[in-house]
Amino acid sequence: MSTEIAREALSVWDDIATFWDESYSKDGNQYFKLLQVPSLERLLGEKLAGATAGKIRALDLATGNGVVARLLARHGAEVLATDGSDNMLRIAADYVEGGMNMKFRRLDVTSDEEFERFVEEEASGFDIITINMSIMDIATLDPLARALPKLLTKDGMYVVSLTTHDAVLRTLL
């Protein structure tokens, strides 16, 4: 994939960041609240149980407005939220609540060079890595696939959550 296409895609996310955040909302839409939160908490339950002692490091890739990053932080994880869009990172940082152990960093998940630097700087790895509702928008997953084994701790978990057609949600309400 050309770096020109990647830059253009990130530019679009910068342009629509406010619109996307307003339509999704700070705490997520109904789908997120009714389906994803319980699923994420169930999948990550054992890992998050260790977070109360401050022993869990989490990485939220393509964080968007940070809804999953804040969920992890509320459970006591030390969270690094990343995104390729500066505007999405700004929005996510604006939502941080007191007592949350969160940091933010720009990371283009389509860039081998950025991932290589990131892996070197985060050599201690992460117990949890998440990517919420964005993997389908990433033009190439090769850099991510190469970086994941280097970023996960020995017993680490990688969780991808995807959106679904809202007709499914309407049947649940």
Protein backbone atom coordinates (compact mmCIF):
# COMPACT_ATOMS: atom_id res chain seq x y z
CA MET A 1 0.00 0.00 0.00
CA SER A 2 1.34 3.41 -0.84
CA THR A 3 2.08 5.86 1.91
CA GLU A 4 0.07 8.40 -0.09
CA ILE A 5 -3.10 6.31 0.31
CA ALA A 6 -2.42 5.83 4.03
CA ARG A 7 -1.92 9.58 4.51
CA GLU A 8 -5.13 10.29 2.61
CA ALA A 9 -7.11 7.81 4.74
CA LEU A 10 -5.80 9.36 7.97
CA SER A 11 -6.59 12.82 6.63
CA VAL A 12 -10.19 11.74 6.10
CA TRP A 13 -10.38 10.50 9.71
CA ASP A 14 -9.01 13.83 10.89
CA ASP A 15 -11.67 15.60 8.83
CA ILE A 16 -14.59 13.53 10.13
CA ALA A 17 -13.40 13.00 13.73
CA THR A 18 -15.92 15.38 15.32
CA PHE A 19 -18.81 14.05 13.24
CA TRP A 20 -17.90 10.45 14.05
CA ASP A 21 -17.56 11.20 17.76
CA GLU A 22 -20.91 12.98 17.90
CA SER A 23 -22.67 10.11 16.11
CA TYR A 24 -20.99 7.40 18.22
CA SER A 25 -21.00 9.37 21.51
CA LYS A 26 -18.58 9.47 24.40
CA ASP A 27 -19.85 6.25 25.95
CA GLY A 28 -20.55 4.43 22.68
CA ASN A 29 -23.75 3.76 20.81
CA GLN A 30 -26.44 1.28 21.87
CA TYR A 31 -24.70 -1.57 20.08
CA PHE A 32 -21.50 -0.89 22.00
CA LYS A 33 -23.28 -0.65 25.34
CA LEU A 34 -25.57 -3.66 24.92
CA LEU A 35 -23.31 -6.09 23.06
CA GLN A 36 -19.68 -5.05 23.07
CA VAL A 37 -19.20 -3.97 26.69
CA PRO A 38 -20.52 -7.24 28.18
CA SER A 39 -18.55 -9.26 25.61
CA LEU A 40 -15.32 -7.35 26.22
CA GLU A 41 -15.72 -7.63 29.98
CA ARG A 42 -16.39 -11.37 29.71
CA LEU A 43 -13.46 -11.98 27.33
CA LEU A 44 -11.04 -9.86 29.35
CA GLY A 45 -12.40 -10.63 32.81
CA GLU A 46 -9.44 -12.62 34.12
CA LYS A 47 -6.93 -10.14 32.73
CA LEU A 48 -8.84 -7.16 34.09
CA ALA A 49 -9.04 -8.78 37.52
CA GLY A 50 -5.28 -8.30 37.75
CA ALA A 51 -5.60 -4.65 36.80
CA THR A 52 -6.80 -3.61 40.25
CA ALA A 53 -3.25 -4.15 41.49
CA GLY A 54 -1.96 -1.97 38.63
CA LYS A 55 -0.28 -4.89 36.95
CA ILE A 56 -2.05 -4.86 33.59
CA ARG A 57 -0.80 -2.88 30.60
CA ALA A 58 -3.27 -2.40 27.77
CA LEU A 59 -2.83 -1.06 24.26
CA ASP A 60 -5.86 0.21 22.37
CA LEU A 61 -5.03 0.49 18.68
CA ALA A 62 -7.04 2.84 16.44
CA THR A 63 -8.70 4.12 19.61
CA GLY A 64 -11.03 6.58 17.90
CA ASN A 65 -12.72 8.54 20.67
CA GLY A 66 -11.20 6.17 23.25
CA VAL A 67 -14.34 4.36 24.37
CA VAL A 68 -12.59 0.98 24.79
CA ALA A 69 -9.46 2.57 26.25
CA ARG A 70 -11.58 4.25 28.95
CA LEU A 71 -13.39 0.97 29.65
CA LEU A 72 -10.04 -0.70 30.25
CA ALA A 73 -8.83 2.20 32.40
CA ARG A 74 -12.02 2.10 34.50
CA HIS A 75 -11.12 -1.51 35.30
CA GLY A 76 -7.71 -0.36 36.52
CA ALA A 77 -5.51 -1.08 33.50
CA GLU A 78 -2.63 1.19 32.57
CA VAL A 79 -3.70 2.12 29.03
CA LEU A 80 -1.85 3.44 26.01
CA ALA A 81 -4.39 4.60 23.43
CA THR A 82 -3.12 5.06 19.89
CA ASP A 83 -4.60 6.35 16.67
CA GLY A 84 -3.32 7.60 13.33
CA SER A 85 -5.64 10.60 13.51
CA ASP A 86 -4.49 13.50 15.63
CA ASN A 87 -8.06 14.77 15.91
CA MET A 88 -9.35 11.42 17.17
CA LEU A 89 -6.56 11.35 19.77
CA ARG A 90 -7.48 14.87 20.90
CA ILE A 91 -11.13 13.86 21.31
CA ALA A 92 -10.16 10.69 23.22
CA ALA A 93 -7.85 12.65 25.54
CA ASP A 94 -10.59 15.20 26.23
CA TYR A 95 -12.81 12.42 27.61
CA VAL A 96 -10.34 11.12 30.19
CA GLU A 97 -11.84 11.05 33.67
CA GLY A 98 -9.97 11.62 36.93
CA GLY A 99 -7.99 8.68 38.19
CA MET A 100 -7.63 7.00 34.81
CA ASN A 101 -4.12 5.84 34.04
CA MET A 102 -4.06 6.68 30.34
CA LYS A 103 -1.54 7.95 27.81
CA PHE A 104 -2.02 8.79 24.16
CA ARG A 105 0.23 8.37 21.17
CA ARG A 106 -0.07 8.78 17.44
CA LEU A 107 0.51 5.49 15.62
CA ASP A 108 -0.32 4.68 12.01
CA VAL A 109 -1.05 0.94 12.07
CA THR A 110 -0.33 0.70 8.32
CA SER A 111 3.28 1.81 8.77
CA ASP A 112 6.05 -0.73 9.34
CA GLU A 113 8.43 2.09 10.27
CA GLU A 114 6.13 3.49 12.96
CA PHE A 115 5.46 0.01 14.37
CA GLU A 116 9.18 -0.78 14.46
CA ARG A 117 9.87 2.33 16.55
CA PHE A 118 6.84 1.60 18.70
CA VAL A 119 7.92 -2.00 19.39
CA GLU A 120 11.40 -0.81 20.40
CA GLU A 121 9.99 1.82 22.77
CA GLU A 122 7.37 -0.50 24.28
CA ALA A 123 9.63 -3.53 24.70
CA SER A 124 7.96 -4.61 27.96
CA GLY A 125 4.84 -5.46 25.95
CA PHE A 126 1.13 -5.42 26.73
CA ASP A 127 -1.14 -7.86 28.55
CA ILE A 128 -4.15 -6.72 26.52
CA ILE A 129 -4.27 -5.33 22.99
CA THR A 130 -7.60 -4.21 21.57
CA ILE A 131 -8.80 -2.76 18.31
CA ASN A 132 -12.45 -1.74 18.26
CA MET A 133 -14.58 -1.22 15.17
CA SER A 134 -11.72 -0.20 12.93
CA ILE A 135 -9.91 -3.25 11.62
CA MET A 136 -12.18 -3.29 8.57
CA ASP A 137 -11.06 0.28 7.73
CA ILE A 138 -7.34 -0.51 7.79
CA ALA A 139 -6.04 -0.87 4.24
CA THR A 140 -3.21 -3.26 5.10
CA LEU A 141 -2.89 -5.45 8.15
CA ASP A 142 0.63 -6.70 7.42
CA PRO A 143 2.46 -4.23 9.73
CA LEU A 144 0.00 -5.01 12.55
CA ALA A 145 0.39 -8.77 12.02
CA ARG A 146 4.19 -8.45 12.21
CA ALA A 147 4.08 -6.26 15.33
CA LEU A 148 1.52 -8.16 17.44
CA PRO A 149 3.75 -11.10 18.47
CA LYS A 150 6.39 -8.60 19.59
CA LEU A 151 3.91 -6.46 21.54
CA LEU A 152 1.95 -9.11 23.43
CA THR A 153 3.28 -10.44 26.70
CA LYS A 154 3.61 -14.21 27.06
CA ASP A 155 0.02 -14.69 28.23
CA GLY A 156 -1.33 -11.57 26.55
CA MET A 157 -4.68 -11.31 24.78
CA TYR A 158 -5.52 -9.62 21.49
CA VAL A 159 -9.20 -8.76 21.05
CA VAL A 160 -10.75 -7.39 17.87
CA SER A 161 -14.32 -6.15 18.07
CA LEU A 162 -16.34 -5.38 14.97
CA THR A 163 -19.54 -3.56 14.30
CA THR A 164 -22.57 -5.28 12.89
CA HIS A 165 -25.60 -4.16 10.94
CA ASP A 166 -27.90 -2.18 13.20
CA ALA A 167 -30.81 -4.42 12.16
CA VAL A 168 -29.36 -6.97 14.58
CA LEU A 169 -29.48 -4.38 17.34
CA ARG A 170 -33.09 -3.46 16.52
CA THR A 171 -34.12 -7.10 17.08
CA LEU A 172 -32.61 -6.93 20.57
CA LEU A 173 -34.37 -3.74 21.66
